[in-house]
Every structure is written in structure tokens, then in C-alpha cells.
PDB file of N, CA and C in Angstrom:
ATOM      1  N   MET A   1      11.945  -5.707  -0.587  1.00  0.00           N
ATOM      2  CA  MET A   1      12.369  -4.575  -0.952  1.00  0.00           C
ATOM      3  C   MET A   1      11.931  -3.232   0.221  1.00  0.00           C
ATOM      4  N   LYS A   2      13.003  -2.646   0.315  1.00  0.00           N
ATOM      5  CA  LYS A   2      12.807  -1.403   1.334  1.00  0.00           C
ATOM      6  C   LYS A   2      12.008   0.025   0.492  1.00  0.00           C
ATOM      7  N   ILE A   3      10.933   0.287   1.342  1.00  0.00           N
ATOM      8  CA  ILE A   3      10.405   1.272   0.673  1.00  0.00           C
ATOM      9  C   ILE A   3      10.239   2.615   1.640  1.00  0.00           C
ATOM     10  N   SER A   4      10.985   2.438   2.896  1.00  0.00           N
ATOM     11  CA  SER A   4      10.975   3.483   3.779  1.00  0.00           C
ATOM     12  C   SER A   4      11.231   5.038   2.981  1.00  0.00           C
ATOM     13  N   ASN A   5      10.339   5.905   3.238  1.00  0.00           N
ATOM     14  CA  ASN A   5      10.493   7.257   2.959  1.00  0.00           C
ATOM     15  C   ASN A   5       9.856   7.315   1.425  1.00  0.00           C
ATOM     16  N   PHE A   6       9.921   6.610   1.155  1.00  0.00           N
ATOM     17  CA  PHE A   6       8.979   6.703  -0.493  1.00  0.00           C
ATOM     18  C   PHE A   6       7.654   7.548  -0.504  1.00  0.00           C
ATOM     19  N   LEU A   7       7.507   8.099  -1.245  1.00  0.00           N
ATOM     20  CA  LEU A   7       6.195   8.951  -1.637  1.00  0.00           C
ATOM     21  C   LEU A   7       5.321   8.285  -1.952  1.00  0.00           C
ATOM     22  N   ALA A   8       3.946   8.310  -1.465  1.00  0.00           N
ATOM     23  CA  ALA A   8       2.836   7.416  -1.615  1.00  0.00           C
ATOM     24  C   ALA A   8       1.678   8.041  -2.128  1.00  0.00           C
ATOM     25  N   PHE A   9       1.271   7.384  -3.242  1.00  0.00           N
ATOM     26  CA  PHE A   9      -0.042   7.881  -4.355  1.00  0.00           C
ATOM     27  C   PHE A   9      -1.018   6.909  -4.024  1.00  0.00           C
ATOM     28  N   ASP A  10      -2.280   7.525  -4.459  1.00  0.00           N
ATOM     29  CA  ASP A  10      -3.372   6.680  -4.704  1.00  0.00           C
ATOM     30  C   ASP A  10      -3.472   6.087  -6.332  1.00  0.00           C
ATOM     31  N   GLY A  11      -4.606   5.422  -6.701  1.00  0.00           N
ATOM     32  CA  GLY A  11      -4.815   5.309  -8.215  1.00  0.00           C
ATOM     33  C   GLY A  11      -4.953   6.164  -9.095  1.00  0.00           C
ATOM     34  N   LYS A  12      -5.274   7.373  -8.487  1.00  0.00           N
ATOM     35  CA  LYS A  12      -5.558   8.442  -9.387  1.00  0.00           C
ATOM     36  C   LYS A  12      -4.046   9.650  -9.306  1.00  0.00           C
ATOM     37  N   GLY A  13      -3.206   9.165  -8.760  1.00  0.00           N
ATOM     38  CA  GLY A  13      -2.054   9.786  -8.652  1.00  0.00           C
ATOM     39  C   GLY A  13      -1.763  10.885  -7.706  1.00  0.00           C
ATOM     40  N   ASN A  14      -2.649  11.086  -6.745  1.00  0.00           N
ATOM     41  CA  ASN A  14      -3.143  11.925  -5.875  1.00  0.00           C
ATOM     42  C   ASN A  14      -1.705  11.384  -4.705  1.00  0.00           C
ATOM     43  N   GLU A  15      -1.102  12.401  -4.139  1.00  0.00           N
ATOM     44  CA  GLU A  15      -0.404  11.886  -3.132  1.00  0.00           C
ATOM     45  C   GLU A  15      -1.335  11.390  -1.687  1.00  0.00           C
ATOM     46  N   ILE A  16      -0.941  10.342  -1.068  1.00  0.00           N
ATOM     47  CA  ILE A  16      -1.583  10.297   0.245  1.00  0.00           C
ATOM     48  C   ILE A  16      -0.459  10.123   1.607  1.00  0.00           C
ATOM     49  N   ALA A  17      -1.358  10.146   2.804  1.00  0.00           N
ATOM     50  CA  ALA A  17      -0.692  10.124   3.765  1.00  0.00           C
ATOM     51  C   ALA A  17      -0.501   8.568   4.359  1.00  0.00           C
ATOM     52  N   ALA A  18       0.672   8.050   4.153  1.00  0.00           N
ATOM     53  CA  ALA A  18       1.309   6.501   4.499  1.00  0.00           C
ATOM     54  C   ALA A  18       2.700   6.781   5.094  1.00  0.00           C
ATOM     55  N   ASP A  19       2.662   5.702   5.966  1.00  0.00           N
ATOM     56  CA  ASP A  19       3.880   5.465   7.047  1.00  0.00           C
ATOM     57  C   ASP A  19       4.771   4.422   6.821  1.00  0.00           C
ATOM     58  N   SER A  20       5.605   4.555   5.927  1.00  0.00           N
ATOM     59  CA  SER A  20       6.494   3.192   5.270  1.00  0.00           C
ATOM     60  C   SER A  20       7.919   3.169   6.089  1.00  0.00           C
ATOM     61  N   HIS A  21       8.008   2.060   6.349  1.00  0.00           N
ATOM     62  CA  HIS A  21       9.355   1.684   7.140  1.00  0.00           C
ATOM     63  C   HIS A  21       9.879   0.110   6.757  1.00  0.00           C
ATOM     64  N   GLY A  22      11.005   0.255   6.237  1.00  0.00           N
ATOM     65  CA  GLY A  22      11.611  -1.305   5.918  1.00  0.00           C
ATOM     66  C   GLY A  22      10.751  -1.396   4.509  1.00  0.00           C
ATOM     67  N   ASN A  23      10.362  -2.510   4.543  1.00  0.00           N
ATOM     68  CA  ASN A  23       9.072  -3.253   3.495  1.00  0.00           C
ATOM     69  C   ASN A  23       7.864  -3.129   4.045  1.00  0.00           C
ATOM     70  N   ASN A  24       7.336  -2.330   4.950  1.00  0.00           N
ATOM     71  CA  ASN A  24       6.016  -2.553   5.661  1.00  0.00           C
ATOM     72  C   ASN A  24       5.398  -0.878   5.171  1.00  0.00           C
ATOM     73  N   VAL A  25       4.147  -0.752   5.390  1.00  0.00           N
ATOM     74  CA  VAL A  25       3.460   0.433   5.288  1.00  0.00           C
ATOM     75  C   VAL A  25       2.314   0.396   5.655  1.00  0.00           C
ATOM     76  N   ALA A  26       1.864   1.673   6.409  1.00  0.00           N
ATOM     77  CA  ALA A  26       0.680   1.414   6.775  1.00  0.00           C
ATOM     78  C   ALA A  26      -0.052   2.640   6.238  1.00  0.00           C
ATOM     79  N   PHE A  27      -1.196   2.678   6.004  1.00  0.00           N
ATOM     80  CA  PHE A  27      -2.179   3.855   5.216  1.00  0.00           C
ATOM     81  C   PHE A  27      -3.708   3.454   5.842  1.00  0.00           C
ATOM     82  N   ASN A  28      -4.503   4.568   5.380  1.00  0.00           N
ATOM     83  CA  ASN A  28      -5.830   4.294   5.815  1.00  0.00           C
ATOM     84  C   ASN A  28      -6.568   3.816   4.642  1.00  0.00           C
ATOM     85  N   CYS A  29      -7.445   2.781   4.823  1.00  0.00           N
ATOM     86  CA  CYS A  29      -8.362   2.344   3.699  1.00  0.00           C
ATOM     87  C   CYS A  29      -8.880   3.346   3.157  1.00  0.00           C
ATOM     88  N   PHE A  30      -8.986   3.263   1.970  1.00  0.00           N
ATOM     89  CA  PHE A  30      -9.861   4.351   0.918  1.00  0.00           C
ATOM     90  C   PHE A  30     -11.258   4.518   0.876  1.00  0.00           C
ATOM     91  N   SER A  31     -11.738   3.014   1.565  1.00  0.00           N
ATOM     92  CA  SER A  31     -13.321   3.291   1.633  1.00  0.00           C
ATOM     93  C   SER A  31     -13.753   3.737   3.018  1.00  0.00           C
ATOM     94  N   CYS A  32     -12.916   3.254   4.033  1.00  0.00           N
ATOM     95  CA  CYS A  32     -13.664   3.524   5.419  1.00  0.00           C
ATOM     96  C   CYS A  32     -12.914   4.201   6.289  1.00  0.00           C
ATOM     97  N   GLY A  33     -11.234   4.503   6.120  1.00  0.00           N
ATOM     98  CA  GLY A  33     -10.519   5.134   6.678  1.00  0.00           C
ATOM     99  C   GLY A  33      -9.762   4.373   8.221  1.00  0.00           C
ATOM    100  N   HIS A  34     -10.298   3.033   7.902  1.00  0.00           N
ATOM    101  CA  HIS A  34      -9.359   2.082   8.900  1.00  0.00           C
ATOM    102  C   HIS A  34      -8.119   1.971   8.609  1.00  0.00           C
ATOM    103  N   PRO A  35      -6.981   2.029   9.636  1.00  0.00           N
ATOM    104  CA  PRO A  35      -5.835   1.538   9.054  1.00  0.00           C
ATOM    105  C   PRO A  35      -5.259  -0.047   8.356  1.00  0.00           C
ATOM    106  N   VAL A  36      -4.495  -0.027   7.484  1.00  0.00           N
ATOM    107  CA  VAL A  36      -4.378  -1.120   6.764  1.00  0.00           C
ATOM    108  C   VAL A  36      -2.679  -1.281   6.553  1.00  0.00           C
ATOM    109  N   LEU A  37      -2.095  -2.586   6.874  1.00  0.00           N
ATOM    110  CA  LEU A  37      -0.702  -2.592   6.620  1.00  0.00           C
ATOM    111  C   LEU A  37      -0.592  -3.564   5.650  1.00  0.00           C
ATOM    112  N   ALA A  38       0.161  -2.929   4.514  1.00  0.00           N
ATOM    113  CA  ALA A  38       0.932  -3.637   3.659  1.00  0.00           C
ATOM    114  C   ALA A  38       2.347  -4.081   3.534  1.00  0.00           C
ATOM    115  N   ILE A  39       2.775  -5.206   2.906  1.00  0.00           N
ATOM    116  CA  ILE A  39       4.345  -5.613   2.863  1.00  0.00           C
ATOM    117  C   ILE A  39       4.679  -5.611   1.419  1.00  0.00           C
ATOM    118  N   ALA A  40       5.867  -5.072   1.140  1.00  0.00           N
ATOM    119  CA  ALA A  40       6.319  -5.014  -0.203  1.00  0.00           C
ATOM    120  C   ALA A  40       7.630  -5.927  -0.297  1.00  0.00           C
ATOM    121  N   ARG A  41       6.845  -7.427  -0.312  1.00  0.00           N
ATOM    122  CA  ARG A  41       7.515  -8.532  -0.360  1.00  0.00           C
ATOM    123  C   ARG A  41       6.885  -9.371  -1.213  1.00  0.00           C
ATOM    124  N   GLU A  42       7.451 -10.284  -1.819  1.00  0.00           N
ATOM    125  CA  GLU A  42       7.067 -10.943  -2.589  1.00  0.00           C
ATOM    126  C   GLU A  42       5.877 -12.191  -2.054  1.00  0.00           C
ATOM    127  N   HIS A  43       4.441 -12.279  -2.390  1.00  0.00           N
ATOM    128  CA  HIS A  43       3.559 -13.276  -1.622  1.00  0.00           C
ATOM    129  C   HIS A  43       3.162 -12.911  -0.522  1.00  0.00           C
ATOM    130  N   GLN A  44       3.578 -11.536   0.017  1.00  0.00           N
ATOM    131  CA  GLN A  44       2.879 -11.154   1.472  1.00  0.00           C
ATOM    132  C   GLN A  44       1.737 -10.048   0.993  1.00  0.00           C
ATOM    133  N   ARG A  45       1.269  -9.935   2.276  1.00  0.00           N
ATOM    134  CA  ARG A  45      -0.173  -9.306   1.912  1.00  0.00           C
ATOM    135  C   ARG A  45       0.162  -7.933   1.577  1.00  0.00           C
ATOM    136  N   GLY A  46      -0.984  -7.463   0.625  1.00  0.00           N
ATOM    137  CA  GLY A  46      -0.445  -6.197  -0.249  1.00  0.00           C
ATOM    138  C   GLY A  46       0.638  -6.050  -1.018  1.00  0.00           C
ATOM    139  N   SER A  47       1.059  -7.162  -1.446  1.00  0.00           N
ATOM    140  CA  SER A  47       2.360  -6.944  -2.453  1.00  0.00           C
ATOM    141  C   SER A  47       2.067  -7.135  -4.051  1.00  0.00           C
ATOM    142  N   SER A  48       0.758  -7.678  -4.156  1.00  0.00           N
ATOM    143  CA  SER A  48       0.225  -7.537  -5.239  1.00  0.00           C
ATOM    144  C   SER A  48      -1.297  -7.593  -5.594  1.00  0.00           C
ATOM    145  N   GLU A  49      -1.944  -7.621  -6.747  1.00  0.00           N
ATOM    146  CA  GLU A  49      -3.397  -7.623  -6.785  1.00  0.00           C
ATOM    147  C   GLU A  49      -3.621  -9.338  -6.245  1.00  0.00           C
ATOM    148  N   GLU A  50      -2.816 -10.328  -6.616  1.00  0.00           N
ATOM    149  CA  GLU A  50      -3.056 -11.743  -6.258  1.00  0.00           C
ATOM    150  C   GLU A  50      -3.103 -11.976  -4.510  1.00  0.00           C
ATOM    151  N   CYS A  51      -2.540 -10.926  -3.890  1.00  0.00           N
ATOM    152  CA  CYS A  51      -1.890 -10.938  -2.695  1.00  0.00           C
ATOM    153  C   CYS A  51      -2.605  -9.947  -1.742  1.00  0.00           C
ATOM    154  N   PRO A  52      -3.573  -9.409  -1.939  1.00  0.00           N
ATOM    155  CA  PRO A  52      -4.119  -8.167  -1.330  1.00  0.00           C
ATOM    156  C   PRO A  52      -4.051  -7.938   0.060  1.00  0.00           C
ATOM    157  N   ALA A  53      -3.943  -6.700   0.664  1.00  0.00           N
ATOM    158  CA  ALA A  53      -4.107  -6.441   1.995  1.00  0.00           C
ATOM    159  C   ALA A  53      -5.540  -5.939   2.180  1.00  0.00           C
ATOM    160  N   ALA A  54      -6.623  -6.837   3.041  1.00  0.00           N
ATOM    161  CA  ALA A  54      -7.852  -6.410   3.212  1.00  0.00           C
ATOM    162  C   ALA A  54      -7.847  -5.637   4.536  1.00  0.00           C
ATOM    163  N   CYS A  55      -8.819  -4.825   4.426  1.00  0.00           N
ATOM    164  CA  CYS A  55      -9.238  -4.000   5.633  1.00  0.00           C
ATOM    165  C   CYS A  55      -9.565  -4.707   6.612  1.00  0.00           C
ATOM    166  N   LYS A  56      -9.478  -4.764   7.840  1.00  0.00           N
ATOM    167  CA  LYS A  56      -9.876  -5.273   9.043  1.00  0.00           C
ATOM    168  C   LYS A  56     -11.384  -4.854   9.248  1.00  0.00           C
ATOM    169  N   ASN A  57     -11.771  -3.445   8.835  1.00  0.00           N
ATOM    170  CA  ASN A  57     -13.137  -3.068   9.280  1.00  0.00           C
ATOM    171  C   ASN A  57     -14.231  -3.553   8.118  1.00  0.00           C
ATOM    172  N   CYS A  58     -13.908  -3.089   6.660  1.00  0.00           N
ATOM    173  CA  CYS A  58     -14.807  -3.188   5.873  1.00  0.00           C
ATOM    174  C   CYS A  58     -14.420  -4.057   4.672  1.00  0.00           C
ATOM    175  N   GLY A  59     -13.421  -5.036   4.581  1.00  0.00           N
ATOM    176  CA  GLY A  59     -12.968  -5.920   3.864  1.00  0.00           C
ATOM    177  C   GLY A  59     -12.512  -5.224   2.347  1.00  0.00           C
ATOM    178  N   THR A  60     -12.185  -4.204   2.232  1.00  0.00           N
ATOM    179  CA  THR A  60     -11.506  -3.453   1.001  1.00  0.00           C
ATOM    180  C   THR A  60     -10.420  -3.847   0.824  1.00  0.00           C
ATOM    181  N   ASN A  61     -10.078  -4.470  -0.437  1.00  0.00           N
ATOM    182  CA  ASN A  61      -8.595  -5.146  -0.752  1.00  0.00           C
ATOM    183  C   ASN A  61      -7.881  -4.043  -1.420  1.00  0.00           C
ATOM    184  N   HIS A  62      -6.443  -3.764  -0.941  1.00  0.00           N
ATOM    185  CA  HIS A  62      -5.238  -2.977  -1.341  1.00  0.00           C
ATOM    186  C   HIS A  62      -4.084  -3.881  -1.848  1.00  0.00           C
ATOM    187  N   PHE A  63      -3.973  -3.047  -2.725  1.00  0.00           N
ATOM    188  CA  PHE A  63      -2.054  -3.691  -3.170  1.00  0.00           C
ATOM    189  C   PHE A  63      -1.103  -2.623  -3.293  1.00  0.00           C
ATOM    190  N   LEU A  64      -0.025  -2.637  -3.366  1.00  0.00           N
ATOM    191  CA  LEU A  64       1.029  -1.789  -3.641  1.00  0.00           C
ATOM    192  C   LEU A  64       1.650  -2.082  -5.030  1.00  0.00           C
ATOM    193  N   ASP A  65       1.890  -0.985  -5.979  1.00  0.00           N
ATOM    194  CA  ASP A  65       2.590  -0.843  -7.150  1.00  0.00           C
ATOM    195  C   ASP A  65       3.543   0.062  -6.791  1.00  0.00           C
ATOM    196  N   VAL A  66       4.702  -0.590  -6.495  1.00  0.00           N
ATOM    197  CA  VAL A  66       6.005   0.020  -6.117  1.00  0.00           C
ATOM    198  C   VAL A  66       6.750   0.277  -7.436  1.00  0.00           C
ATOM    199  N   ARG A  67       7.400   1.590  -7.333  1.00  0.00           N
ATOM    200  CA  ARG A  67       8.159   1.970  -8.478  1.00  0.00           C
ATOM    201  C   ARG A  67       9.461   2.531  -7.695  1.00  0.00           C
ATOM    202  N   GLU A  68      10.457   1.180  -7.604  1.00  0.00           N
ATOM    203  CA  GLU A  68      11.642   1.428  -6.808  1.00  0.00           C
ATOM    204  C   GLU A  68      12.454   2.653  -7.482  1.00  0.00           C
ATOM    205  N   ALA A  69      12.482   3.048  -9.226  1.00  0.00           N
ATOM    206  CA  ALA A  69      13.671   3.575  -9.568  1.00  0.00           C
ATOM    207  C   ALA A  69      13.026   5.206  -9.162  1.00  0.00           C
ATOM    208  N   ALA A  70      11.840   5.438  -9.003  1.00  0.00           N
ATOM    209  CA  ALA A  70      11.484   6.428  -8.746  1.00  0.00           C
ATOM    210  C   ALA A  70      10.841   7.221  -7.258  1.00  0.00           C
ATOM    211  N   ASN A  71      11.432   6.158  -6.426  1.00  0.00           N
ATOM    212  CA  ASN A  71      11.017   6.273  -5.069  1.00  0.00           C
ATOM    213  C   ASN A  71       9.659   6.420  -4.636  1.00  0.00           C
ATOM    214  N   LYS A  72       8.691   5.709  -5.354  1.00  0.00           N
ATOM    215  CA  LYS A  72       7.106   6.006  -4.999  1.00  0.00           C
ATOM    216  C   LYS A  72       6.430   4.877  -5.159  1.00  0.00           C
ATOM    217  N   PHE A  73       5.375   4.725  -4.428  1.00  0.00           N
ATOM    218  CA  PHE A  73       4.723   3.381  -4.693  1.00  0.00           C
ATOM    219  C   PHE A  73       3.085   4.128  -4.391  1.00  0.00           C
ATOM    220  N   HIS A  74       2.409   3.124  -5.462  1.00  0.00           N
ATOM    221  CA  HIS A  74       0.775   3.602  -5.448  1.00  0.00           C
ATOM    222  C   HIS A  74       0.153   2.680  -4.792  1.00  0.00           C
ATOM    223  N   VAL A  75      -0.920   2.931  -4.180  1.00  0.00           N
ATOM    224  CA  VAL A  75      -1.437   1.940  -3.160  1.00  0.00           C
ATOM    225  C   VAL A  75      -3.101   1.924  -4.128  1.00  0.00           C
ATOM    226  N   LEU A  76      -3.145   0.715  -4.371  1.00  0.00           N
ATOM    227  CA  LEU A  76      -4.379   0.482  -5.453  1.00  0.00           C
ATOM    228  C   LEU A  76      -5.421  -0.487  -4.922  1.00  0.00           C
ATOM    229  N   THR A  77      -6.881  -0.387  -5.286  1.00  0.00           N
ATOM    230  CA  THR A  77      -7.612  -1.252  -4.695  1.00  0.00           C
ATOM    231  C   THR A  77      -8.320  -2.495  -5.720  1.00  0.00           C
ATOM    232  N   VAL A  78      -8.193  -3.253  -5.478  1.00  0.00           N
ATOM    233  CA  VAL A  78      -8.777  -4.741  -6.282  1.00  0.00           C
ATOM    234  C   VAL A  78     -10.112  -4.368  -6.934  1.00  0.00           C
TER     235      VAL A  78
END
């Protein structure tokens, strides 16, 4: 699913800085600030709680909760 230009939020509903293009999104790890890449496609890293995107620096797991009808997504931690 394409999420280009969607608004990005954290789990508390606060808007966060993120760069989304196509079905990819880059954002900073909530724990250490290192860049993380997640993909909004089934079975890809960051697509669900079962398939998280792990921070390469600290190992914190993140996943996307895409709300396509609202043109937004939430980045959540496992």
C-alpha cells in the first residue's frame, strides 16, 4: 500500500517526523534516535507486530498501523 505523504504519529497520537515514499517510511527510533526503515507491505519489516522493524542500533522493535482512509499511520513499538 502506498503511504506517500501520509501524516505520521506515535502511539500517543503525537505527530512525528517521518519520510514516507511509496510503501516505505523512514523515521527515528523512539528509544535512541537512530534511523529506522519500515515497509507497509504484508510480511515486510515493520508491517505488523509479528513482523517488526528492528532498530539497528538498540534493537527496539517498531511497526506501522496504517489508516489508509485517514491518510495517516502510527508508528508503534512492540
